[in-house]
PDB file of N, CA and C in Angstrom:
ATOM      1  N   MET A   1     -87.129 -37.166-160.315  1.00  0.00           N
ATOM      2  CA  MET A   1     -86.224 -37.924-159.474  1.00  0.00           C
ATOM      3  C   MET A   1     -86.358 -39.061-159.059  1.00  0.00           C
ATOM      4  N   SER A   2     -85.292 -39.746-159.187  1.00  0.00           N
ATOM      5  CA  SER A   2     -85.247 -41.328-158.528  1.00  0.00           C
ATOM      6  C   SER A   2     -84.837 -41.531-157.179  1.00  0.00           C
ATOM      7  N   TYR A   3     -84.910 -42.768-156.849  1.00  0.00           N
ATOM      8  CA  TYR A   3     -85.049 -43.483-155.591  1.00  0.00           C
ATOM      9  C   TYR A   3     -84.083 -44.384-155.448  1.00  0.00           C
ATOM     10  N   ARG A   4     -82.988 -44.254-154.755  1.00  0.00           N
ATOM     11  CA  ARG A   4     -81.799 -45.404-155.111  1.00  0.00           C
ATOM     12  C   ARG A   4     -82.052 -46.656-153.787  1.00  0.00           C
ATOM     13  N   LEU A   5     -81.814 -47.575-153.901  1.00  0.00           N
ATOM     14  CA  LEU A   5     -81.862 -48.711-152.909  1.00  0.00           C
ATOM     15  C   LEU A   5     -80.615 -49.207-152.765  1.00  0.00           C
ATOM     16  N   THR A   6     -80.027 -49.686-151.599  1.00  0.00           N
ATOM     17  CA  THR A   6     -78.664 -50.546-151.293  1.00  0.00           C
ATOM     18  C   THR A   6     -79.397 -51.204-150.383  1.00  0.00           C
ATOM     19  N   VAL A   7     -79.133 -52.771-150.783  1.00  0.00           N
ATOM     20  CA  VAL A   7     -79.150 -53.516-150.021  1.00  0.00           C
ATOM     21  C   VAL A   7     -77.821 -54.467-149.554  1.00  0.00           C
ATOM     22  N   ARG A   8     -77.773 -54.788-147.986  1.00  0.00           N
ATOM     23  CA  ARG A   8     -76.378 -54.706-148.240  1.00  0.00           C
ATOM     24  C   ARG A   8     -77.338 -56.574-147.416  1.00  0.00           C
ATOM     25  N   ARG A   9     -76.809 -58.015-147.501  1.00  0.00           N
ATOM     26  CA  ARG A   9     -76.750 -59.098-147.085  1.00  0.00           C
ATOM     27  C   ARG A   9     -75.317 -58.713-146.594  1.00  0.00           C
ATOM     28  N   GLY A  10     -74.778 -59.345-145.514  1.00  0.00           N
ATOM     29  CA  GLY A  10     -73.554 -59.593-145.107  1.00  0.00           C
ATOM     30  C   GLY A  10     -72.434 -58.856-146.247  1.00  0.00           C
ATOM     31  N   PRO A  11     -71.413 -59.183-146.590  1.00  0.00           N
ATOM     32  CA  PRO A  11     -70.711 -59.048-148.126  1.00  0.00           C
ATOM     33  C   PRO A  11     -71.049 -58.262-149.061  1.00  0.00           C
ATOM     34  N   ALA A  12     -72.583 -58.760-149.396  1.00  0.00           N
ATOM     35  CA  ALA A  12     -73.078 -58.964-150.229  1.00  0.00           C
ATOM     36  C   ALA A  12     -73.723 -57.715-150.319  1.00  0.00           C
ATOM     37  N   ILE A  13     -73.415 -56.041-151.582  1.00  0.00           N
ATOM     38  CA  ILE A  13     -74.513 -55.444-151.922  1.00  0.00           C
ATOM     39  C   ILE A  13     -75.387 -55.579-153.195  1.00  0.00           C
ATOM     40  N   GLU A  14     -76.194 -55.307-153.074  1.00  0.00           N
ATOM     41  CA  GLU A  14     -77.397 -54.741-153.983  1.00  0.00           C
ATOM     42  C   GLU A  14     -77.465 -53.564-154.245  1.00  0.00           C
ATOM     43  N   LYS A  15     -77.615 -53.034-155.404  1.00  0.00           N
ATOM     44  CA  LYS A  15     -78.556 -51.620-155.793  1.00  0.00           C
ATOM     45  C   LYS A  15     -79.401 -51.480-156.863  1.00  0.00           C
ATOM     46  N   ASP A  16     -79.602 -50.879-156.899  1.00  0.00           N
ATOM     47  CA  ASP A  16     -81.501 -50.679-157.674  1.00  0.00           C
ATOM     48  C   ASP A  16     -81.989 -49.339-157.401  1.00  0.00           C
ATOM     49  N   LYS A  17     -82.644 -49.282-158.822  1.00  0.00           N
ATOM     50  CA  LYS A  17     -83.023 -47.685-158.526  1.00  0.00           C
ATOM     51  C   LYS A  17     -84.214 -47.719-159.008  1.00  0.00           C
ATOM     52  N   ARG A  18     -85.795 -47.070-158.461  1.00  0.00           N
ATOM     53  CA  ARG A  18     -87.123 -47.007-159.091  1.00  0.00           C
ATOM     54  C   ARG A  18     -87.578 -44.985-158.914  1.00  0.00           C
ATOM     55  N   GLU A  19     -88.142 -45.000-159.784  1.00  0.00           N
ATOM     56  CA  GLU A  19     -88.470 -43.304-160.291  1.00  0.00           C
ATOM     57  C   GLU A  19     -89.276 -43.094-159.208  1.00  0.00           C
ATOM     58  N   THR A  20     -90.191 -43.588-158.842  1.00  0.00           N
ATOM     59  CA  THR A  20     -91.295 -42.836-157.164  1.00  0.00           C
ATOM     60  C   THR A  20     -90.770 -43.239-156.344  1.00  0.00           C
ATOM     61  N   LEU A  21     -91.570 -42.555-155.647  1.00  0.00           N
ATOM     62  CA  LEU A  21     -91.047 -43.454-153.790  1.00  0.00           C
ATOM     63  C   LEU A  21     -92.516 -44.218-153.429  1.00  0.00           C
ATOM     64  N   GLY A  22     -93.524 -44.332-153.554  1.00  0.00           N
ATOM     65  CA  GLY A  22     -94.400 -45.470-154.266  1.00  0.00           C
ATOM     66  C   GLY A  22     -93.200 -47.228-154.273  1.00  0.00           C
ATOM     67  N   GLU A  23     -92.766 -46.667-155.132  1.00  0.00           N
ATOM     68  CA  GLU A  23     -92.450 -48.131-155.998  1.00  0.00           C
ATOM     69  C   GLU A  23     -90.753 -48.252-155.574  1.00  0.00           C
ATOM     70  N   ALA A  24     -90.593 -47.906-154.577  1.00  0.00           N
ATOM     71  CA  ALA A  24     -88.950 -47.703-154.086  1.00  0.00           C
ATOM     72  C   ALA A  24     -89.502 -48.431-152.900  1.00  0.00           C
ATOM     73  N   ILE A  25     -91.073 -47.956-152.315  1.00  0.00           N
ATOM     74  CA  ILE A  25     -91.578 -49.073-150.927  1.00  0.00           C
ATOM     75  C   ILE A  25     -91.787 -50.104-151.149  1.00  0.00           C
ATOM     76  N   ASP A  26     -92.458 -50.527-152.200  1.00  0.00           N
ATOM     77  CA  ASP A  26     -92.666 -51.484-152.587  1.00  0.00           C
ATOM     78  C   ASP A  26     -91.169 -52.165-152.968  1.00  0.00           C
ATOM     79  N   LEU A  27     -90.274 -52.402-153.037  1.00  0.00           N
ATOM     80  CA  LEU A  27     -88.749 -53.031-153.485  1.00  0.00           C
ATOM     81  C   LEU A  27     -88.290 -52.623-151.903  1.00  0.00           C
ATOM     82  N   LEU A  28     -88.265 -51.804-151.222  1.00  0.00           N
ATOM     83  CA  LEU A  28     -87.699 -52.231-150.242  1.00  0.00           C
ATOM     84  C   LEU A  28     -88.508 -53.015-149.663  1.00  0.00           C
ATOM     85  N   GLU A  29     -89.933 -53.800-149.400  1.00  0.00           N
ATOM     86  CA  GLU A  29     -90.771 -54.496-148.755  1.00  0.00           C
ATOM     87  C   GLU A  29     -90.633 -55.503-149.262  1.00  0.00           C
ATOM     88  N   ALA A  30     -90.202 -56.024-151.136  1.00  0.00           N
ATOM     89  CA  ALA A  30     -89.647 -57.025-151.505  1.00  0.00           C
ATOM     90  C   ALA A  30     -88.853 -57.855-150.964  1.00  0.00           C
ATOM     91  N   TYR A  31     -87.741 -57.086-150.920  1.00  0.00           N
ATOM     92  CA  TYR A  31     -86.433 -57.305-150.577  1.00  0.00           C
ATOM     93  C   TYR A  31     -86.481 -57.544-148.917  1.00  0.00           C
ATOM     94  N   ALA A  32     -87.524 -57.198-148.175  1.00  0.00           N
ATOM     95  CA  ALA A  32     -87.573 -56.934-146.843  1.00  0.00           C
ATOM     96  C   ALA A  32     -87.878 -59.115-146.497  1.00  0.00           C
ATOM     97  N   GLU A  33     -88.527 -59.097-147.663  1.00  0.00           N
ATOM     98  CA  GLU A  33     -89.482 -60.652-147.393  1.00  0.00           C
ATOM     99  C   GLU A  33     -87.988 -61.740-147.715  1.00  0.00           C
ATOM    100  N   THR A  34     -86.871 -61.186-148.089  1.00  0.00           N
ATOM    101  CA  THR A  34     -85.674 -62.193-148.275  1.00  0.00           C
ATOM    102  C   THR A  34     -85.489 -62.409-147.477  1.00  0.00           C
ATOM    103  N   ALA A  35     -85.482 -62.324-146.168  1.00  0.00           N
ATOM    104  CA  ALA A  35     -84.458 -61.973-145.116  1.00  0.00           C
ATOM    105  C   ALA A  35     -84.098 -63.177-144.169  1.00  0.00           C
ATOM    106  N   THR A  36     -82.997 -63.631-144.598  1.00  0.00           N
ATOM    107  CA  THR A  36     -82.850 -65.008-144.032  1.00  0.00           C
ATOM    108  C   THR A  36     -82.573 -64.942-141.898  1.00  0.00           C
ATOM    109  N   ARG A  37     -82.703 -65.240-141.261  1.00  0.00           N
ATOM    110  CA  ARG A  37     -82.217 -65.357-140.219  1.00  0.00           C
ATOM    111  C   ARG A  37     -80.615 -66.085-139.685  1.00  0.00           C
ATOM    112  N   ARG A  38     -79.942 -65.310-138.591  1.00  0.00           N
ATOM    113  CA  ARG A  38     -78.038 -65.776-138.649  1.00  0.00           C
ATOM    114  C   ARG A  38     -78.468 -66.179-136.861  1.00  0.00           C
ATOM    115  N   GLU A  39     -77.043 -67.064-137.150  1.00  0.00           N
ATOM    116  CA  GLU A  39     -76.906 -67.815-136.027  1.00  0.00           C
ATOM    117  C   GLU A  39     -76.181 -66.816-134.858  1.00  0.00           C
ATOM    118  N   ALA A  40     -76.149 -67.147-133.899  1.00  0.00           N
ATOM    119  CA  ALA A  40     -75.164 -66.249-132.786  1.00  0.00           C
ATOM    120  C   ALA A  40     -73.682 -66.788-133.391  1.00  0.00           C
ATOM    121  N   VAL A  41     -72.752 -65.128-133.399  1.00  0.00           N
ATOM    122  CA  VAL A  41     -71.283 -65.709-133.876  1.00  0.00           C
ATOM    123  C   VAL A  41     -70.708 -65.078-132.451  1.00  0.00           C
ATOM    124  N   ASP A  42     -69.299 -66.188-132.294  1.00  0.00           N
ATOM    125  CA  ASP A  42     -68.512 -66.001-131.387  1.00  0.00           C
ATOM    126  C   ASP A  42     -67.174 -65.428-132.095  1.00  0.00           C
ATOM    127  N   PHE A  43     -67.127 -64.450-131.430  1.00  0.00           N
ATOM    128  CA  PHE A  43     -65.613 -63.376-131.771  1.00  0.00           C
ATOM    129  C   PHE A  43     -65.064 -62.851-130.631  1.00  0.00           C
ATOM    130  N   VAL A  44     -63.698 -63.529-130.426  1.00  0.00           N
ATOM    131  CA  VAL A  44     -62.312 -63.352-129.556  1.00  0.00           C
ATOM    132  C   VAL A  44     -63.156 -63.823-128.335  1.00  0.00           C
ATOM    133  N   SER A  45     -63.374 -63.043-127.633  1.00  0.00           N
ATOM    134  CA  SER A  45     -64.395 -63.063-126.202  1.00  0.00           C
ATOM    135  C   SER A  45     -65.288 -63.056-126.131  1.00  0.00           C
ATOM    136  N   ARG A  46     -66.418 -61.879-127.373  1.00  0.00           N
ATOM    137  CA  ARG A  46     -67.119 -62.155-127.254  1.00  0.00           C
ATOM    138  C   ARG A  46     -68.381 -62.940-128.038  1.00  0.00           C
ATOM    139  N   ARG A  47     -69.590 -62.896-127.665  1.00  0.00           N
ATOM    140  CA  ARG A  47     -70.942 -63.621-128.464  1.00  0.00           C
ATOM    141  C   ARG A  47     -71.802 -62.784-128.741  1.00  0.00           C
ATOM    142  N   TYR A  48     -71.912 -62.801-130.023  1.00  0.00           N
ATOM    143  CA  TYR A  48     -72.874 -62.119-130.556  1.00  0.00           C
ATOM    144  C   TYR A  48     -74.184 -62.855-131.056  1.00  0.00           C
ATOM    145  N   GLU A  49     -75.417 -62.747-130.527  1.00  0.00           N
ATOM    146  CA  GLU A  49     -76.847 -63.182-130.247  1.00  0.00           C
ATOM    147  C   GLU A  49     -77.500 -62.613-131.312  1.00  0.00           C
ATOM    148  N   PRO A  50     -78.386 -63.453-132.494  1.00  0.00           N
ATOM    149  CA  PRO A  50     -78.453 -63.254-133.247  1.00  0.00           C
ATOM    150  C   PRO A  50     -79.746 -61.710-133.616  1.00  0.00           C
ATOM    151  N   GLY A  51     -80.287 -61.206-132.087  1.00  0.00           N
ATOM    152  CA  GLY A  51     -81.077 -60.502-132.331  1.00  0.00           C
ATOM    153  C   GLY A  51     -80.149 -58.834-132.162  1.00  0.00           C
ATOM    154  N   ASP A  52     -78.773 -58.939-132.121  1.00  0.00           N
ATOM    155  CA  ASP A  52     -77.293 -58.406-132.045  1.00  0.00           C
ATOM    156  C   ASP A  52     -76.912 -58.017-133.340  1.00  0.00           C
ATOM    157  N   LEU A  53     -77.279 -58.640-134.414  1.00  0.00           N
ATOM    158  CA  LEU A  53     -76.512 -58.840-136.013  1.00  0.00           C
ATOM    159  C   LEU A  53     -77.396 -58.314-136.727  1.00  0.00           C
ATOM    160  N   VAL A  54     -77.169 -57.097-137.765  1.00  0.00           N
ATOM    161  CA  VAL A  54     -78.024 -56.979-138.499  1.00  0.00           C
ATOM    162  C   VAL A  54     -77.848 -57.968-139.573  1.00  0.00           C
ATOM    163  N   ALA A  55     -78.967 -58.679-140.256  1.00  0.00           N
ATOM    164  CA  ALA A  55     -78.863 -59.623-141.210  1.00  0.00           C
ATOM    165  C   ALA A  55     -79.370 -58.960-142.556  1.00  0.00           C
ATOM    166  N   LEU A  56     -80.015 -57.840-142.681  1.00  0.00           N
ATOM    167  CA  LEU A  56     -79.821 -57.456-144.043  1.00  0.00           C
ATOM    168  C   LEU A  56     -80.636 -55.848-143.701  1.00  0.00           C
ATOM    169  N   ARG A  57     -79.331 -54.885-144.428  1.00  0.00           N
ATOM    170  CA  ARG A  57     -80.031 -53.489-144.145  1.00  0.00           C
ATOM    171  C   ARG A  57     -80.478 -52.842-145.571  1.00  0.00           C
ATOM    172  N   ILE A  58     -81.408 -52.450-145.270  1.00  0.00           N
ATOM    173  CA  ILE A  58     -81.935 -51.738-147.104  1.00  0.00           C
ATOM    174  C   ILE A  58     -82.376 -50.536-146.556  1.00  0.00           C
ATOM    175  N   GLU A  59     -81.455 -49.179-147.556  1.00  0.00           N
ATOM    176  CA  GLU A  59     -81.151 -47.788-147.270  1.00  0.00           C
ATOM    177  C   GLU A  59     -81.935 -47.616-148.514  1.00  0.00           C
ATOM    178  N   LEU A  60     -82.504 -46.715-148.301  1.00  0.00           N
ATOM    179  CA  LEU A  60     -83.429 -46.037-149.073  1.00  0.00           C
ATOM    180  C   LEU A  60     -83.120 -44.298-149.415  1.00  0.00           C
ATOM    181  N   LYS A  61     -82.871 -43.747-150.483  1.00  0.00           N
ATOM    182  CA  LYS A  61     -82.208 -42.497-150.432  1.00  0.00           C
ATOM    183  C   LYS A  61     -82.748 -41.501-151.812  1.00  0.00           C
ATOM    184  N   GLY A  62     -82.927 -40.697-151.819  1.00  0.00           N
ATOM    185  CA  GLY A  62     -83.358 -39.700-153.012  1.00  0.00           C
ATOM    186  C   GLY A  62     -84.597 -38.841-152.318  1.00  0.00           C
ATOM    187  N   ASP A  63     -84.159 -37.464-153.390  1.00  0.00           N
ATOM    188  CA  ASP A  63     -85.478 -36.697-153.155  1.00  0.00           C
ATOM    189  C   ASP A  63     -85.204 -35.946-151.629  1.00  0.00           C
ATOM    190  N   GLY A  64     -84.241 -36.046-151.021  1.00  0.00           N
ATOM    191  CA  GLY A  64     -84.612 -35.388-149.714  1.00  0.00           C
ATOM    192  C   GLY A  64     -85.503 -36.327-148.783  1.00  0.00           C
ATOM    193  N   VAL A  65     -85.146 -38.001-148.940  1.00  0.00           N
ATOM    194  CA  VAL A  65     -85.326 -38.524-147.999  1.00  0.00           C
ATOM    195  C   VAL A  65     -84.045 -39.652-148.112  1.00  0.00           C
ATOM    196  N   ARG A  66     -84.445 -40.232-146.719  1.00  0.00           N
ATOM    197  CA  ARG A  66     -82.754 -40.759-146.293  1.00  0.00           C
ATOM    198  C   ARG A  66     -83.278 -41.699-144.788  1.00  0.00           C
ATOM    199  N   ALA A  67     -83.356 -42.720-145.444  1.00  0.00           N
ATOM    200  CA  ALA A  67     -84.167 -44.097-144.705  1.00  0.00           C
ATOM    201  C   ALA A  67     -84.121 -45.102-144.678  1.00  0.00           C
ATOM    202  N   GLY A  68     -84.478 -46.212-143.771  1.00  0.00           N
ATOM    203  CA  GLY A  68     -84.471 -47.497-144.664  1.00  0.00           C
ATOM    204  C   GLY A  68     -84.632 -48.160-143.480  1.00  0.00           C
ATOM    205  N   LEU A  69     -84.239 -50.326-143.467  1.00  0.00           N
ATOM    206  CA  LEU A  69     -84.904 -50.982-142.713  1.00  0.00           C
ATOM    207  C   LEU A  69     -83.810 -52.095-142.596  1.00  0.00           C
ATOM    208  N   ASP A  70     -83.707 -52.171-140.944  1.00  0.00           N
ATOM    209  CA  ASP A  70     -82.676 -53.208-140.383  1.00  0.00           C
ATOM    210  C   ASP A  70     -83.596 -54.624-139.913  1.00  0.00           C
ATOM    211  N   ILE A  71     -83.106 -55.580-140.808  1.00  0.00           N
ATOM    212  CA  ILE A  71     -83.726 -56.702-140.191  1.00  0.00           C
ATOM    213  C   ILE A  71     -82.534 -57.204-139.343  1.00  0.00           C
ATOM    214  N   HIS A  72     -82.895 -57.714-138.304  1.00  0.00           N
ATOM    215  CA  HIS A  72     -81.655 -58.885-137.376  1.00  0.00           C
ATOM    216  C   HIS A  72     -81.839 -60.180-137.529  1.00  0.00           C
ATOM    217  N   GLY A  73     -80.816 -60.923-137.101  1.00  0.00           N
ATOM    218  CA  GLY A  73     -80.912 -61.854-136.986  1.00  0.00           C
ATOM    219  C   GLY A  73     -81.948 -62.825-136.694  1.00  0.00           C
ATOM    220  N   ASP A  74     -82.282 -62.641-135.367  1.00  0.00           N
ATOM    221  CA  ASP A  74     -83.480 -63.170-135.106  1.00  0.00           C
ATOM    222  C   ASP A  74     -85.185 -62.645-135.681  1.00  0.00           C
ATOM    223  N   GLY A  75     -84.832 -61.774-137.077  1.00  0.00           N
ATOM    224  CA  GLY A  75     -86.283 -62.116-137.521  1.00  0.00           C
ATOM    225  C   GLY A  75     -86.873 -60.222-137.372  1.00  0.00           C
ATOM    226  N   SER A  76     -86.185 -60.164-135.978  1.00  0.00           N
ATOM    227  CA  SER A  76     -87.172 -57.922-135.616  1.00  0.00           C
ATOM    228  C   SER A  76     -86.493 -57.368-136.557  1.00  0.00           C
ATOM    229  N   ALA A  77     -87.097 -56.727-136.650  1.00  0.00           N
ATOM    230  CA  ALA A  77     -86.769 -55.026-137.927  1.00  0.00           C
ATOM    231  C   ALA A  77     -87.135 -54.185-137.158  1.00  0.00           C
ATOM    232  N   VAL A  78     -86.067 -52.841-137.562  1.00  0.00           N
ATOM    233  CA  VAL A  78     -86.127 -51.630-136.993  1.00  0.00           C
ATOM    234  C   VAL A  78     -86.404 -50.504-138.181  1.00  0.00           C
ATOM    235  N   ALA A  79     -87.293 -50.046-138.908  1.00  0.00           N
ATOM    236  CA  ALA A  79     -87.109 -48.928-139.342  1.00  0.00           C
ATOM    237  C   ALA A  79     -86.679 -47.719-139.122  1.00  0.00           C
ATOM    238  N   TRP A  80     -85.712 -46.576-139.725  1.00  0.00           N
ATOM    239  CA  TRP A  80     -85.232 -45.931-139.391  1.00  0.00           C
ATOM    240  C   TRP A  80     -85.099 -44.358-140.628  1.00  0.00           C
ATOM    241  N   THR A  81     -84.588 -43.387-139.658  1.00  0.00           N
ATOM    242  CA  THR A  81     -84.522 -42.591-141.038  1.00  0.00           C
ATOM    243  C   THR A  81     -82.933 -41.607-140.783  1.00  0.00           C
ATOM    244  N   GLY A  82     -82.784 -41.142-141.669  1.00  0.00           N
ATOM    245  CA  GLY A  82     -81.358 -39.861-141.153  1.00  0.00           C
ATOM    246  C   GLY A  82     -80.340 -40.377-142.032  1.00  0.00           C
ATOM    247  N   ARG A  83     -78.998 -40.009-142.015  1.00  0.00           N
ATOM    248  CA  ARG A  83     -78.243 -40.209-142.238  1.00  0.00           C
ATOM    249  C   ARG A  83     -76.271 -40.976-141.558  1.00  0.00           C
ATOM    250  N   ILE A  84     -76.525 -39.684-141.146  1.00  0.00           N
ATOM    251  CA  ILE A  84     -75.163 -40.481-139.552  1.00  0.00           C
ATOM    252  C   ILE A  84     -76.031 -40.280-138.202  1.00  0.00           C
ATOM    253  N   GLY A  85     -77.283 -39.645-138.081  1.00  0.00           N
ATOM    254  CA  GLY A  85     -77.696 -39.910-136.620  1.00  0.00           C
ATOM    255  C   GLY A  85     -79.311 -40.220-137.011  1.00  0.00           C
ATOM    256  N   ARG A  86     -78.901 -41.725-136.472  1.00  0.00           N
ATOM    257  CA  ARG A  86     -80.532 -42.157-137.319  1.00  0.00           C
ATOM    258  C   ARG A  86     -81.642 -41.512-136.243  1.00  0.00           C
ATOM    259  N   THR A  87     -82.710 -42.012-136.822  1.00  0.00           N
ATOM    260  CA  THR A  87     -84.294 -41.479-135.773  1.00  0.00           C
ATOM    261  C   THR A  87     -84.754 -42.933-135.769  1.00  0.00           C
ATOM    262  N   ILE A  88     -84.905 -43.662-134.968  1.00  0.00           N
ATOM    263  CA  ILE A  88     -85.572 -45.158-134.815  1.00  0.00           C
ATOM    264  C   ILE A  88     -86.977 -44.642-135.194  1.00  0.00           C
ATOM    265  N   ILE A  89     -88.219 -45.340-135.982  1.00  0.00           N
ATOM    266  CA  ILE A  89     -89.142 -45.025-136.067  1.00  0.00           C
ATOM    267  C   ILE A  89     -90.139 -45.946-134.877  1.00  0.00           C
ATOM    268  N   GLU A  90     -90.755 -45.514-134.172  1.00  0.00           N
ATOM    269  CA  GLU A  90     -91.765 -46.530-133.306  1.00  0.00           C
ATOM    270  C   GLU A  90     -92.472 -46.968-133.762  1.00  0.00           C
ATOM    271  N   PRO A  91     -93.038 -47.823-134.311  1.00  0.00           N
ATOM    272  CA  PRO A  91     -94.729 -48.611-134.488  1.00  0.00           C
ATOM    273  C   PRO A  91     -95.505 -48.037-133.386  1.00  0.00           C
ATOM    274  N   GLU A  92     -96.497 -47.770-134.448  1.00  0.00           N
ATOM    275  CA  GLU A  92     -97.571 -47.177-133.421  1.00  0.00           C
ATOM    276  C   GLU A  92     -99.246 -48.394-133.783  1.00  0.00           C
ATOM    277  N   HIS A  93     -99.777 -48.605-132.562  1.00  0.00           N
ATOM    278  CA  HIS A  93    -100.733 -49.329-132.350  1.00  0.00           C
ATOM    279  C   HIS A  93    -100.385 -50.814-133.039  1.00  0.00           C
ATOM    280  N   GLY A  94     -99.818 -51.416-132.966  1.00  0.00           N
ATOM    281  CA  GLY A  94     -99.280 -52.828-133.714  1.00  0.00           C
ATOM    282  C   GLY A  94     -98.913 -52.799-135.210  1.00  0.00           C
ATOM    283  N   GLU A  95     -98.880 -51.749-135.445  1.00  0.00           N
ATOM    284  CA  GLU A  95     -98.560 -52.102-136.885  1.00  0.00           C
ATOM    285  C   GLU A  95     -96.527 -52.126-136.873  1.00  0.00           C
ATOM    286  N   SER A  96     -96.241 -53.045-138.379  1.00  0.00           N
ATOM    287  CA  SER A  96     -95.045 -53.128-138.429  1.00  0.00           C
ATOM    288  C   SER A  96     -94.276 -52.950-138.690  1.00  0.00           C
ATOM    289  N   PRO A  97     -92.614 -52.487-138.513  1.00  0.00           N
ATOM    290  CA  PRO A  97     -92.084 -51.315-138.810  1.00  0.00           C
ATOM    291  C   PRO A  97     -91.775 -50.652-140.158  1.00  0.00           C
ATOM    292  N   LEU A  98     -92.126 -52.368-141.161  1.00  0.00           N
ATOM    293  CA  LEU A  98     -91.961 -52.211-142.301  1.00  0.00           C
ATOM    294  C   LEU A  98     -93.341 -50.349-142.337  1.00  0.00           C
ATOM    295  N   ALA A  99     -93.956 -51.341-141.927  1.00  0.00           N
ATOM    296  CA  ALA A  99     -95.481 -50.291-142.233  1.00  0.00           C
ATOM    297  C   ALA A  99     -95.361 -48.545-141.725  1.00  0.00           C
ATOM    298  N   ALA A 100     -94.563 -48.148-140.176  1.00  0.00           N
ATOM    299  CA  ALA A 100     -94.296 -47.399-139.370  1.00  0.00           C
ATOM    300  C   ALA A 100     -93.298 -46.574-141.042  1.00  0.00           C
ATOM    301  N   LEU A 101     -92.414 -47.637-141.794  1.00  0.00           N
ATOM    302  CA  LEU A 101     -91.676 -46.529-142.492  1.00  0.00           C
ATOM    303  C   LEU A 101     -92.431 -46.179-143.524  1.00  0.00           C
ATOM    304  N   ARG A 102     -92.985 -47.008-144.388  1.00  0.00           N
ATOM    305  CA  ARG A 102     -94.247 -46.501-145.333  1.00  0.00           C
ATOM    306  C   ARG A 102     -94.421 -45.074-144.782  1.00  0.00           C
ATOM    307  N   ARG A 103     -95.537 -45.158-143.193  1.00  0.00           N
ATOM    308  CA  ARG A 103     -96.122 -44.266-143.465  1.00  0.00           C
ATOM    309  C   ARG A 103     -95.223 -42.671-142.934  1.00  0.00           C
ATOM    310  N   THR A 104     -94.115 -42.942-142.480  1.00  0.00           N
ATOM    311  CA  THR A 104     -93.096 -41.271-142.258  1.00  0.00           C
ATOM    312  C   THR A 104     -92.669 -41.274-143.399  1.00  0.00           C
ATOM    313  N   LEU A 105     -92.587 -42.066-144.149  1.00  0.00           N
ATOM    314  CA  LEU A 105     -91.811 -41.412-145.539  1.00  0.00           C
ATOM    315  C   LEU A 105     -93.330 -40.848-146.663  1.00  0.00           C
ATOM    316  N   THR A 106     -94.762 -41.253-146.786  1.00  0.00           N
ATOM    317  CA  THR A 106     -95.076 -40.564-147.359  1.00  0.00           C
ATOM    318  C   THR A 106     -95.946 -39.688-146.876  1.00  0.00           C
ATOM    319  N   ALA A 107     -95.751 -39.559-145.608  1.00  0.00           N
ATOM    320  CA  ALA A 107     -96.958 -38.579-144.604  1.00  0.00           C
ATOM    321  C   ALA A 107     -96.566 -36.864-145.370  1.00  0.00           C
TER     322      ALA A 107
END
């Protein structure tokens, strides 16, 4: 079974595929390192701060796995699992959201 990654960076979408979960998680981490910060955006009568904007979303799918990582415009990240109803993965003992995602998927 292969694992598919979908990377959304603004309107641009990149897709990739890996054969093993470990390779897919390694690639997800490589994509996460390419995230850039975003400035605040004013839209109609509302201002969206960088922490409110998702600058990079990486989704991982395959063999019963649906998970991902959202990196916000201020550099903060949130790992999650699920498809429609997402469940946030809480980091434990000072680990990064990426490490929490890896722990959850490889457990």
